[in-house]
C-alpha cells in the first residue's frame, strides 16, 4: 500500500490580542487607585477602633482598682466592728464608741450593706474589665489579620498599577519625523498655533497627563531661540514673574522629568527648568539672567528637534 507524500501546512499564527486602549487602561488605573484608598481607609478605621478599645480597658482598670481599694477599707471597718462586738461579749459596743446597742447594730448593718454594694460594684467592674479586655484582644488579633490582608491586597493592586503605567508608557506615540537611524528630520511650523507637529504632540500629552495650573506659551516672534521657530513651549507654573508654590514646583519637577524620560521617543532637544538645562546627559547649571522668569524658575521650557 502506497501512501502519497503529504506537504505539511504550517499552522497559522493566532492573531495577537488587541492592545487595550489608553482610555481603558486609564480607567483601570483609576479603579485600582480607588481600591487602594479604600483598603487604607478600612485599615486606619480598624486602628482607631483598637485604640479606643484599649483606652476603655485602661479606664475600666482604674475604676476597678479604686473599687478594690474601697472594698478593702470597708472590709477592714467591718472586721474592726465585729472584733469590738466579740470583745464586748454581749453583742453590744462600748459606749465610748457608740451611744447604744441599737445604734451599733445599725452601724454594723449599714457597713455590711455598704460592703455588699461595693462587692457588687467590684463584680460589675470586673465583668466590664473582662469584656473590654476580651474586646481589645480580639481586635488586636483581627487587626493583625486585616493588616496582613490589606497589605497583600495593596501590594497586588500596586503591582497592577505599575503594569498599567508601564502599558500607558507604551502607548506614548513616537514623534513625527523620526528617521530610521533615530535622528529627527526638520519640521516646518503649521496650524494657527504656529508650532511644529512634534511640538504639538508633546504639548498635547503634557496637557492630558498633568493638571496644568496656567496657560502654555509656545510661539512668539523675535528674541531668538526655539520659540520663533515653533519648536519650544513654556509650561507656566506661576504668573507675574513670581516663584511658584511648593505644589507647582513639584509639578514642574514631574513635567521636566517626564519630558527627559521620553526625549528619545518624542524628539526632545533640551529642557530648561530652575536655571538648569538638560540636553540628555543630565542637568547643567546656567548663568544668572537676572529674574525669576529669565532663569526659568516659573516655567518648564521644552525645545524639540
Protein backbone atom coordinates (compact mmCIF):
# COMPACT_ATOMS: atom_id res chain seq x y z
CA UNK A 1 0.00 0.00 0.00
CA UNK A 2 1.45 3.26 -1.11
CA UNK A 3 0.92 6.48 0.70
CA UNK A 4 1.19 9.77 -1.10
CA UNK A 5 3.51 12.45 0.23
CA UNK A 6 1.86 14.97 2.40
CA UNK A 7 3.01 18.58 2.48
CA UNK A 8 2.98 19.97 5.99
CA UNK A 9 0.97 23.14 6.12
CA UNK A 10 2.20 25.46 8.85
CA UNK A 11 -0.45 26.36 11.34
CA UNK A 12 -1.40 29.96 11.04
CA UNK A 13 -0.26 32.04 13.97
CA UNK A 14 -3.00 33.00 16.34
CA UNK A 15 -3.87 36.65 16.00
CA UNK A 16 -2.29 38.81 18.70
CA UNK A 17 -4.64 40.05 21.36
CA UNK A 18 -5.67 43.62 20.60
CA UNK A 19 -3.84 46.27 22.55
CA UNK A 20 -6.08 47.76 25.23
CA UNK A 21 -6.98 51.35 24.55
CA UNK A 22 -5.42 54.14 26.56
CA UNK A 23 -8.86 55.09 27.89
CA UNK A 24 -9.40 51.52 29.16
CA UNK A 25 -6.00 51.41 30.84
CA UNK A 26 -6.56 54.78 32.49
CA UNK A 27 -9.98 53.64 33.74
CA UNK A 28 -8.39 50.51 35.25
CA UNK A 29 -5.70 52.62 36.88
CA UNK A 30 -8.30 54.94 38.40
CA UNK A 31 -10.31 51.98 39.71
CA UNK A 32 -7.22 50.46 41.32
CA UNK A 33 -6.24 53.78 42.91
CA UNK A 34 -9.70 53.97 44.47
CA UNK A 35 -9.40 50.36 45.67
CA UNK A 36 -6.07 51.07 47.38
CA UNK A 37 -7.51 54.19 49.03
CA UNK A 38 -10.48 52.18 50.34
CA UNK A 39 -8.18 49.49 51.76
CA UNK A 40 -6.08 52.08 53.55
CA UNK A 41 -9.20 53.78 54.94
CA UNK A 42 -10.54 50.46 56.28
CA UNK A 43 -7.19 49.66 57.88
CA UNK A 44 -6.99 53.06 59.55
CA UNK A 45 -10.53 52.77 60.94
CA UNK A 46 -9.59 49.43 62.48
CA UNK A 47 -6.57 51.04 64.13
CA UNK A 48 -8.80 53.77 65.61
CA UNK A 49 -11.27 51.14 66.84
CA UNK A 50 -8.47 49.20 68.53
CA UNK A 51 -7.04 52.32 70.20
CA UNK A 52 -10.49 53.15 71.65
CA UNK A 53 -10.91 49.61 72.98
CA UNK A 54 -7.51 49.83 74.67
CA UNK A 55 -8.38 53.20 76.22
CA UNK A 56 -11.71 51.83 77.50
CA UNK A 57 -9.87 48.88 79.03
CA UNK A 58 -7.39 51.22 80.74
CA UNK A 59 -10.22 53.34 82.21
CA UNK A 60 -12.03 50.27 83.47
CA UNK A 61 -8.86 49.00 85.15
CA UNK A 62 -8.51 52.31 87.01
CA UNK A 63 -12.12 52.14 88.22
CA UNK A 64 -11.60 48.53 89.29
CA UNK A 65 -8.50 49.47 91.30
CA UNK A 66 -10.43 52.26 93.08
CA UNK A 67 -13.32 49.90 93.85
CA UNK A 68 -10.91 47.28 95.19
CA UNK A 69 -9.36 49.91 97.49
CA UNK A 70 -12.80 50.92 98.76
CA UNK A 71 -13.66 47.27 99.35
CA UNK A 72 -10.51 46.71 101.41
CA UNK A 73 -11.33 49.76 103.55
CA UNK A 74 -14.93 48.63 104.11
CA UNK A 75 -13.87 45.09 104.95
CA UNK A 76 -11.37 46.44 107.47
CA UNK A 77 -14.01 48.60 109.16
CA UNK A 78 -16.50 45.72 109.36
CA UNK A 79 -13.80 43.44 110.78
CA UNK A 80 -12.91 46.03 113.43
CA UNK A 81 -16.56 46.44 114.38
CA UNK A 82 -17.06 42.68 114.63
CA UNK A 83 -13.96 42.44 116.82
CA UNK A 84 -15.33 45.07 119.20
CA UNK A 85 -18.65 43.23 119.45
CA UNK A 86 -16.85 39.98 120.13
CA UNK A 87 -14.74 41.56 122.84
CA UNK A 88 -17.85 43.07 124.49
CA UNK A 89 -19.36 39.60 124.78
CA UNK A 90 -22.96 40.81 124.67
CA UNK A 91 -23.01 41.81 121.07
CA UNK A 92 -23.06 45.48 122.08
CA UNK A 93 -20.31 48.03 121.64
CA UNK A 94 -18.74 50.12 124.39
CA UNK A 95 -20.49 53.43 124.98
CA UNK A 96 -17.14 55.07 124.25
CA UNK A 97 -17.64 54.19 120.58
CA UNK A 98 -21.42 54.13 120.08
CA UNK A 99 -24.26 55.59 122.18
CA UNK A 100 -26.32 52.36 122.30
CA UNK A 101 -26.53 48.75 121.23
CA UNK A 102 -29.18 49.61 118.64
CA UNK A 103 -27.01 52.25 117.08
CA UNK A 104 -24.01 49.90 116.93
CA UNK A 105 -26.17 47.29 115.26
CA UNK A 106 -27.39 49.91 112.81
CA UNK A 107 -23.79 50.91 112.05
CA UNK A 108 -22.86 47.27 111.52
CA UNK A 109 -25.85 46.76 109.26
CA UNK A 110 -25.02 49.93 107.36
CA UNK A 111 -21.39 48.93 106.92
CA UNK A 112 -22.41 45.43 105.86
CA UNK A 113 -24.81 46.88 103.28
CA UNK A 114 -22.09 49.23 102.11
CA UNK A 115 -19.70 46.33 101.81
CA UNK A 116 -22.20 44.34 99.78
CA UNK A 117 -22.79 47.31 97.45
CA UNK A 118 -19.05 47.71 96.92
CA UNK A 119 -18.66 43.97 96.34
CA UNK A 120 -21.43 44.14 93.74
CA UNK A 121 -19.78 47.20 92.16
CA UNK A 122 -16.45 45.40 92.04
CA UNK A 123 -18.08 42.37 90.44
CA UNK A 124 -19.71 44.60 87.82
CA UNK A 125 -16.44 46.40 87.14
CA UNK A 126 -14.59 43.11 86.85
CA UNK A 127 -17.12 41.98 84.24
CA UNK A 128 -16.71 45.26 82.35
CA UNK A 129 -12.94 44.99 82.55
CA UNK A 130 -13.01 41.44 81.21
CA UNK A 131 -15.35 42.45 78.39
CA UNK A 132 -13.12 45.39 77.44
CA UNK A 133 -10.00 43.25 77.72
CA UNK A 134 -11.55 40.50 75.60
CA UNK A 135 -12.64 43.06 73.03
CA UNK A 136 -9.15 44.58 72.85
CA UNK A 137 -7.55 41.13 72.50
CA UNK A 138 -10.00 40.14 69.77
CA UNK A 139 -9.43 43.42 67.98
CA UNK A 140 -5.66 43.04 68.19
CA UNK A 141 -5.92 39.63 66.59
CA UNK A 142 -8.37 40.84 63.95
CA UNK A 143 -6.37 43.92 63.08
CA UNK A 144 -3.26 41.78 62.58
CA UNK A 145 -5.19 39.60 60.16
CA UNK A 146 -6.80 42.62 58.49
CA UNK A 147 -3.47 44.43 58.22
CA UNK A 148 -1.86 41.40 56.58
CA UNK A 149 -4.81 41.09 54.20
CA UNK A 150 -4.82 44.80 53.41
CA UNK A 151 -1.05 44.78 52.83
CA UNK A 152 -1.37 41.85 50.40
CA UNK A 153 -4.26 43.46 48.54
CA UNK A 154 -2.41 46.78 48.46
CA UNK A 155 0.72 45.08 47.06
CA UNK A 156 -1.36 43.25 44.46
CA UNK A 157 -3.09 46.48 43.45
CA UNK A 158 0.20 48.37 43.25
CA UNK A 159 1.68 45.64 41.06
CA UNK A 160 -1.28 46.06 38.72
CA UNK A 161 -0.89 49.83 38.82
CA UNK A 162 2.78 49.52 37.83
CA UNK A 163 1.79 47.17 35.00
CA UNK A 164 -0.85 49.58 33.72
CA UNK A 165 1.54 52.54 33.99
CA UNK A 166 4.09 50.56 32.00
CA UNK A 167 1.48 49.86 29.33
CA UNK A 168 0.48 53.54 29.31
CA UNK A 169 4.11 54.45 28.62
CA UNK A 170 3.99 52.02 25.72
CA UNK A 171 1.05 53.95 24.31
CA UNK A 172 3.05 57.21 24.09
CA UNK A 173 3.36 57.79 20.34
CA UNK A 174 6.63 58.40 18.55
CA UNK A 175 7.07 61.99 17.48
CA UNK A 176 6.59 62.51 13.76
CA UNK A 177 9.61 62.89 11.51
CA UNK A 178 11.84 60.31 13.16
CA UNK A 179 14.36 58.76 10.77
CA UNK A 180 15.32 55.08 10.79
CA UNK A 181 18.66 55.93 12.41
CA UNK A 182 16.89 57.65 15.31
CA UNK A 183 17.62 61.21 14.20
CA UNK A 184 14.90 63.76 13.54
CA UNK A 185 14.02 65.40 10.25
CA UNK A 186 13.47 69.18 10.38
CA UNK A 187 9.85 70.31 10.55
CA UNK A 188 8.09 73.47 9.49
CA UNK A 189 5.61 75.11 11.87
CA UNK A 190 1.97 74.73 10.91
CA UNK A 191 -1.53 75.46 12.12
CA UNK A 192 -2.91 78.51 13.85
CA UNK A 193 -0.65 77.92 16.87
CA UNK A 194 2.45 78.20 14.62
CA UNK A 195 4.33 75.23 16.09
CA UNK A 196 5.71 72.01 14.63
CA UNK A 197 3.85 68.71 14.68
CA UNK A 198 6.39 67.26 17.13
CA UNK A 199 5.92 70.19 19.49
CA UNK A 200 2.16 69.82 19.21
CA UNK A 201 2.34 66.11 20.15
CA UNK A 202 4.31 66.63 23.37
CA UNK A 203 2.26 69.68 24.36
CA UNK A 204 -0.95 67.65 23.97
CA UNK A 205 0.43 64.76 26.02
CA UNK A 206 1.51 67.05 28.87
CA UNK A 207 -1.83 68.86 28.85
CA UNK A 208 -3.61 65.49 29.06
CA UNK A 209 -1.40 63.83 31.67
CA UNK A 210 -0.71 66.75 34.02
CA UNK A 211 -3.11 69.21 35.64
CA UNK A 212 -1.51 72.39 34.37
CA UNK A 213 -2.26 75.45 36.55
CA UNK A 214 -1.71 78.07 33.82
CA UNK A 215 -1.59 78.56 30.06
CA UNK A 216 1.15 77.12 27.88
CA UNK A 217 3.15 79.67 25.87
CA UNK A 218 4.70 78.44 22.63
CA UNK A 219 5.24 80.58 19.53
CA UNK A 220 6.44 84.15 19.89
CA UNK A 221 8.11 86.30 17.25
CA UNK A 222 11.62 87.62 17.68
CA UNK A 223 14.04 87.16 20.53
CA UNK A 224 15.93 84.22 19.05
CA UNK A 225 15.91 80.68 20.37
CA UNK A 226 13.38 77.99 19.53
CA UNK A 227 10.13 79.90 20.15
CA UNK A 228 10.09 81.82 16.83
CA UNK A 229 10.77 78.52 15.05
CA UNK A 230 7.72 76.88 16.64
CA UNK A 231 9.92 74.31 18.35
CA UNK A 232 9.54 75.36 22.03
CA UNK A 233 6.83 75.74 24.65
CA UNK A 234 6.86 77.20 28.17
CA UNK A 235 4.72 75.32 30.71
CA UNK A 236 3.99 78.00 33.29
CA UNK A 237 3.98 77.11 36.99
CA UNK A 238 3.20 80.70 38.15
CA UNK A 239 2.42 84.11 36.69
CA UNK A 240 3.65 87.66 37.10
CA UNK A 241 7.27 86.67 37.47
CA UNK A 242 6.71 85.17 40.92
CA UNK A 243 8.08 81.95 42.38
CA UNK A 244 5.66 79.02 42.02
CA UNK A 245 4.03 77.45 45.06
CA UNK A 246 5.65 74.36 46.54
CA UNK A 247 2.99 72.19 44.88
CA UNK A 248 3.58 73.78 41.47
CA UNK A 249 7.35 73.45 41.82
CA UNK A 250 6.82 69.73 42.43
CA UNK A 251 4.58 69.64 39.34
CA UNK A 252 7.31 71.33 37.29
CA UNK A 253 9.78 68.72 38.52
CA UNK A 254 7.49 65.94 37.33
CA UNK A 255 6.90 67.52 33.90
CA UNK A 256 10.63 68.10 33.37
CA UNK A 257 11.46 64.53 34.44
CA UNK A 258 8.73 63.11 32.17
CA UNK A 259 9.97 65.07 29.15
CA UNK A 260 13.54 63.87 29.73
CA UNK A 261 12.40 60.28 30.22
CA UNK A 262 10.55 60.35 26.87
CA UNK A 263 13.02 62.54 24.97
CA UNK A 264 14.19 59.82 22.56
CA UNK A 265 10.67 58.81 21.71
CA UNK A 266 9.24 62.28 21.23
CA UNK A 267 12.22 64.21 19.90
CA UNK A 268 13.03 66.46 22.86
CA UNK A 269 16.14 68.55 22.19
CA UNK A 270 16.54 70.00 25.68
CA UNK A 271 14.65 71.00 28.83
CA UNK A 272 15.31 74.12 30.92
CA UNK A 273 13.97 74.39 34.49
CA UNK A 274 15.18 76.22 37.61
CA UNK A 275 18.25 77.80 35.97
CA UNK A 276 19.43 74.40 34.70
CA UNK A 277 19.49 72.79 31.28
CA UNK A 278 19.24 69.09 30.42
CA UNK A 279 20.29 68.11 26.90
CA UNK A 280 20.08 64.39 27.52
CA UNK A 281 23.13 63.81 29.68
CA UNK A 282 21.99 65.26 33.00
CA UNK A 283 21.36 68.72 34.41
CA UNK A 284 23.90 71.52 33.98
CA UNK A 285 23.73 74.92 35.73
CA UNK A 286 23.05 78.07 33.70
CA UNK A 287 24.25 81.62 34.25
CA UNK A 288 22.07 84.07 36.15
CA UNK A 289 19.94 86.05 33.70
CA UNK A 290 18.59 88.38 36.37
CA UNK A 291 14.94 87.40 37.01
CA UNK A 292 12.72 84.51 38.05
CA UNK A 293 11.29 84.20 34.54
CA UNK A 294 14.60 84.56 32.67
CA UNK A 295 16.11 81.94 34.97
CA UNK A 296 13.19 79.58 34.28
CA UNK A 297 12.03 79.25 37.89
CA UNK A 298 8.40 79.92 36.94
CA UNK A 299 8.14 77.70 33.87
CA UNK A 300 9.45 74.50 32.32
CA UNK A 301 10.90 75.19 28.87
CA UNK A 302 10.86 72.28 26.40
CA UNK A 303 12.54 72.51 22.99
CA UNK A 304 12.14 69.93 20.25
CA UNK A 305 14.35 68.87 17.33
